[in-house]
Amino acid sequence: MVLYSVIKIFINGFWGENQLTVEDEKMSTKGTLLPSAILTVIVIGMGLGAEFVNVYIMEAAEVINNPSLYIDAVMPNGE
């Protein structure tokens, strides 16, 4: 029953009647330009800045792989 409902929604969404007016179809995309540009800059920054973060990630991975480093840092006397 659920599958039938989902198929019906899919068919109606893609092959159903168009409910947009002519004015809605000709809407401007100027409002999406700034968020797209900001996201593009963030993605490029993450790609270029990954090498700087990699040092900290490698240190965290080393502590996860070798728990004795953490244990020695928390309890230096081994108590």
N, C-alpha and C. Protein backbone atom coordinates (compact mmCIF):
# COMPACT_ATOMS: atom_id res chain seq x y z
N MET A 1 0.82 -1.18 0.00
CA MET A 1 0.00 0.00 0.00
C MET A 1 0.88 1.27 0.00
N VAL A 2 1.93 1.24 0.80
CA VAL A 2 2.82 2.40 0.85
C VAL A 2 3.54 2.56 -0.48
N LEU A 3 3.98 1.45 -1.06
CA LEU A 3 4.66 1.50 -2.35
C LEU A 3 3.75 2.08 -3.42
N TYR A 4 2.50 1.68 -3.41
CA TYR A 4 1.54 2.23 -4.36
C TYR A 4 1.40 3.74 -4.20
N SER A 5 1.34 4.22 -2.97
CA SER A 5 1.21 5.66 -2.72
C SER A 5 2.44 6.42 -3.20
N VAL A 6 3.62 5.86 -2.94
CA VAL A 6 4.85 6.52 -3.37
C VAL A 6 4.93 6.57 -4.89
N ILE A 7 4.56 5.48 -5.55
CA ILE A 7 4.57 5.46 -7.03
C ILE A 7 3.58 6.48 -7.57
N LYS A 8 2.42 6.58 -6.96
CA LYS A 8 1.40 7.54 -7.39
C LYS A 8 1.92 8.98 -7.23
N ILE A 9 2.58 9.28 -6.12
CA ILE A 9 3.14 10.61 -5.91
C ILE A 9 4.23 10.89 -6.93
N PHE A 10 5.09 9.91 -7.20
CA PHE A 10 6.16 10.08 -8.18
C PHE A 10 5.58 10.37 -9.56
N ILE A 11 4.61 9.59 -9.98
CA ILE A 11 4.03 9.78 -11.31
C ILE A 11 3.35 11.14 -11.40
N ASN A 12 2.62 11.52 -10.38
CA ASN A 12 1.93 12.81 -10.39
C ASN A 12 2.93 13.97 -10.35
N GLY A 13 4.04 13.79 -9.65
CA GLY A 13 5.03 14.86 -9.56
C GLY A 13 5.77 15.11 -10.87
N PHE A 14 6.03 14.05 -11.62
CA PHE A 14 6.79 14.21 -12.84
C PHE A 14 5.94 14.31 -14.10
N TRP A 15 4.78 13.66 -14.10
CA TRP A 15 3.95 13.69 -15.30
C TRP A 15 2.59 14.32 -15.05
N GLY A 16 2.42 14.92 -13.89
CA GLY A 16 1.15 15.57 -13.58
C GLY A 16 1.04 16.93 -14.24
N GLU A 17 -0.04 17.61 -13.94
CA GLU A 17 -0.26 18.94 -14.52
C GLU A 17 0.70 19.95 -13.90
N ASN A 18 1.09 20.94 -14.72
CA ASN A 18 1.97 22.01 -14.25
C ASN A 18 1.12 23.04 -13.52
N GLN A 19 1.45 23.33 -12.27
CA GLN A 19 0.66 24.26 -11.48
C GLN A 19 1.32 25.62 -11.37
N LEU A 20 2.42 25.85 -12.08
CA LEU A 20 3.09 27.14 -12.05
C LEU A 20 2.46 28.09 -13.06
N THR A 21 2.37 29.34 -12.68
CA THR A 21 1.89 30.34 -13.62
C THR A 21 3.06 30.79 -14.50
N VAL A 22 2.75 31.56 -15.52
CA VAL A 22 3.79 32.05 -16.42
C VAL A 22 4.76 32.96 -15.66
N GLU A 23 4.25 33.74 -14.71
CA GLU A 23 5.11 34.63 -13.92
C GLU A 23 6.06 33.83 -13.02
N ASP A 24 5.58 32.73 -12.46
CA ASP A 24 6.42 31.89 -11.61
C ASP A 24 7.53 31.23 -12.41
N GLU A 25 7.23 30.85 -13.65
CA GLU A 25 8.23 30.19 -14.48
C GLU A 25 9.33 31.15 -14.91
N LYS A 26 9.02 32.44 -15.00
CA LYS A 26 10.00 33.45 -15.43
C LYS A 26 10.67 34.14 -14.26
N MET A 27 10.63 33.55 -13.05
CA MET A 27 11.23 34.16 -11.87
C MET A 27 12.73 34.32 -12.04
N SER A 28 13.24 35.35 -11.41
CA SER A 28 14.67 35.64 -11.47
C SER A 28 15.45 34.73 -10.51
N THR A 29 16.70 34.47 -10.87
CA THR A 29 17.56 33.65 -10.01
C THR A 29 18.62 34.51 -9.33
N LYS A 30 18.41 35.81 -9.28
CA LYS A 30 19.39 36.70 -8.65
C LYS A 30 19.54 36.40 -7.16
N GLY A 31 18.51 35.95 -6.49
CA GLY A 31 18.57 35.67 -5.06
C GLY A 31 19.42 34.46 -4.72
N THR A 32 19.68 33.61 -5.68
CA THR A 32 20.48 32.42 -5.42
C THR A 32 21.95 32.60 -5.77
N LEU A 33 22.30 33.73 -6.34
CA LEU A 33 23.68 33.95 -6.76
C LEU A 33 24.63 34.10 -5.57
N LEU A 34 24.27 34.90 -4.58
CA LEU A 34 25.14 35.12 -3.42
C LEU A 34 25.36 33.83 -2.60
N PRO A 35 24.31 33.08 -2.24
CA PRO A 35 24.57 31.84 -1.50
C PRO A 35 25.41 30.84 -2.30
N SER A 36 25.21 30.78 -3.60
CA SER A 36 26.01 29.88 -4.43
C SER A 36 27.47 30.30 -4.43
N ALA A 37 27.71 31.60 -4.51
CA ALA A 37 29.09 32.09 -4.49
C ALA A 37 29.76 31.82 -3.15
N ILE A 38 29.02 32.00 -2.06
CA ILE A 38 29.58 31.75 -0.73
C ILE A 38 29.93 30.27 -0.57
N LEU A 39 29.03 29.38 -1.00
CA LEU A 39 29.31 27.96 -0.90
C LEU A 39 30.49 27.55 -1.77
N THR A 40 30.62 28.18 -2.94
CA THR A 40 31.75 27.88 -3.81
C THR A 40 33.07 28.28 -3.16
N VAL A 41 33.10 29.44 -2.53
CA VAL A 41 34.30 29.89 -1.84
C VAL A 41 34.63 28.97 -0.66
N ILE A 42 33.62 28.53 0.06
CA ILE A 42 33.85 27.62 1.19
C ILE A 42 34.43 26.29 0.71
N VAL A 43 33.88 25.75 -0.38
CA VAL A 43 34.36 24.46 -0.90
C VAL A 43 35.79 24.58 -1.39
N ILE A 44 36.11 25.67 -2.09
CA ILE A 44 37.48 25.88 -2.56
C ILE A 44 38.42 26.05 -1.37
N GLY A 45 37.98 26.78 -0.37
CA GLY A 45 38.80 26.97 0.83
C GLY A 45 39.04 25.65 1.56
N MET A 46 38.03 24.80 1.62
CA MET A 46 38.22 23.50 2.26
C MET A 46 39.18 22.64 1.46
N GLY A 47 39.14 22.74 0.15
CA GLY A 47 40.05 21.96 -0.68
C GLY A 47 41.48 22.42 -0.55
N LEU A 48 41.68 23.72 -0.52
CA LEU A 48 43.03 24.26 -0.41
C LEU A 48 43.57 24.21 1.02
N GLY A 49 42.70 24.27 2.00
CA GLY A 49 43.12 24.30 3.40
C GLY A 49 43.17 22.94 4.06
N ALA A 50 42.93 21.89 3.31
CA ALA A 50 42.91 20.55 3.91
C ALA A 50 44.28 20.13 4.43
N GLU A 51 45.33 20.61 3.81
CA GLU A 51 46.68 20.23 4.22
C GLU A 51 47.01 20.77 5.62
N PHE A 52 46.49 21.93 5.95
CA PHE A 52 46.75 22.52 7.26
C PHE A 52 46.02 21.75 8.37
N VAL A 53 44.85 21.23 8.07
CA VAL A 53 44.06 20.49 9.05
C VAL A 53 44.55 19.05 9.16
N ASN A 54 45.20 18.57 8.13
CA ASN A 54 45.65 17.18 8.09
C ASN A 54 46.60 16.85 9.25
N VAL A 55 47.40 17.80 9.70
CA VAL A 55 48.33 17.58 10.81
C VAL A 55 47.56 17.19 12.07
N TYR A 56 46.50 17.91 12.37
CA TYR A 56 45.71 17.63 13.57
C TYR A 56 44.95 16.31 13.44
N ILE A 57 44.49 16.02 12.24
CA ILE A 57 43.77 14.77 12.02
C ILE A 57 44.71 13.57 12.20
N MET A 58 45.94 13.70 11.72
CA MET A 58 46.90 12.60 11.88
C MET A 58 47.26 12.38 13.35
N GLU A 59 47.36 13.47 14.13
CA GLU A 59 47.63 13.32 15.56
C GLU A 59 46.47 12.63 16.27
N ALA A 60 45.25 13.00 15.92
CA ALA A 60 44.09 12.35 16.53
C ALA A 60 44.01 10.89 16.15
N ALA A 61 44.33 10.57 14.91
CA ALA A 61 44.32 9.17 14.47
C ALA A 61 45.38 8.36 15.19
N GLU A 62 46.53 8.97 15.46
CA GLU A 62 47.59 8.26 16.17
C GLU A 62 47.17 7.93 17.60
N VAL A 63 46.49 8.87 18.26
CA VAL A 63 46.03 8.63 19.62
C VAL A 63 44.94 7.55 19.63
N ILE A 64 44.08 7.55 18.62
CA ILE A 64 43.04 6.53 18.56
C ILE A 64 43.65 5.15 18.33
N ASN A 65 44.67 5.08 17.48
CA ASN A 65 45.31 3.80 17.19
C ASN A 65 46.20 3.31 18.33
N ASN A 66 46.70 4.23 19.15
CA ASN A 66 47.59 3.86 20.23
C ASN A 66 47.06 4.48 21.54
N PRO A 67 46.14 3.81 22.23
CA PRO A 67 45.53 4.39 23.42
C PRO A 67 46.51 4.61 24.57
N SER A 68 47.66 3.98 24.54
CA SER A 68 48.61 4.17 25.64
C SER A 68 49.13 5.61 25.67
N LEU A 69 49.13 6.30 24.55
CA LEU A 69 49.53 7.72 24.54
C LEU A 69 48.58 8.55 25.40
N TYR A 70 47.29 8.28 25.26
CA TYR A 70 46.30 9.00 26.05
C TYR A 70 46.39 8.62 27.52
N ILE A 71 46.55 7.34 27.77
CA ILE A 71 46.62 6.87 29.16
C ILE A 71 47.83 7.48 29.86
N ASP A 72 48.97 7.51 29.19
CA ASP A 72 50.17 8.11 29.78
C ASP A 72 50.02 9.62 29.99
N ALA A 73 49.26 10.29 29.12
CA ALA A 73 49.06 11.72 29.28
C ALA A 73 48.13 12.04 30.44
N VAL A 74 47.15 11.19 30.66
CA VAL A 74 46.17 11.43 31.73
C VAL A 74 46.72 10.96 33.07
N MET A 75 47.34 9.80 33.09
CA MET A 75 47.88 9.23 34.33
C MET A 75 49.37 8.94 34.12
N PRO A 76 50.23 9.95 34.31
CA PRO A 76 51.66 9.76 34.02
C PRO A 76 52.34 8.73 34.90
N ASN A 77 51.86 8.51 36.10
CA ASN A 77 52.49 7.54 37.01
C ASN A 77 51.96 6.13 36.81
N GLY A 78 50.96 5.95 35.97
CA GLY A 78 50.39 4.64 35.73
C GLY A 78 49.55 4.12 36.86
N GLU A 79 48.95 5.01 37.62
CA GLU A 79 48.15 4.60 38.79
C GLU A 79 46.83 4.04 38.39
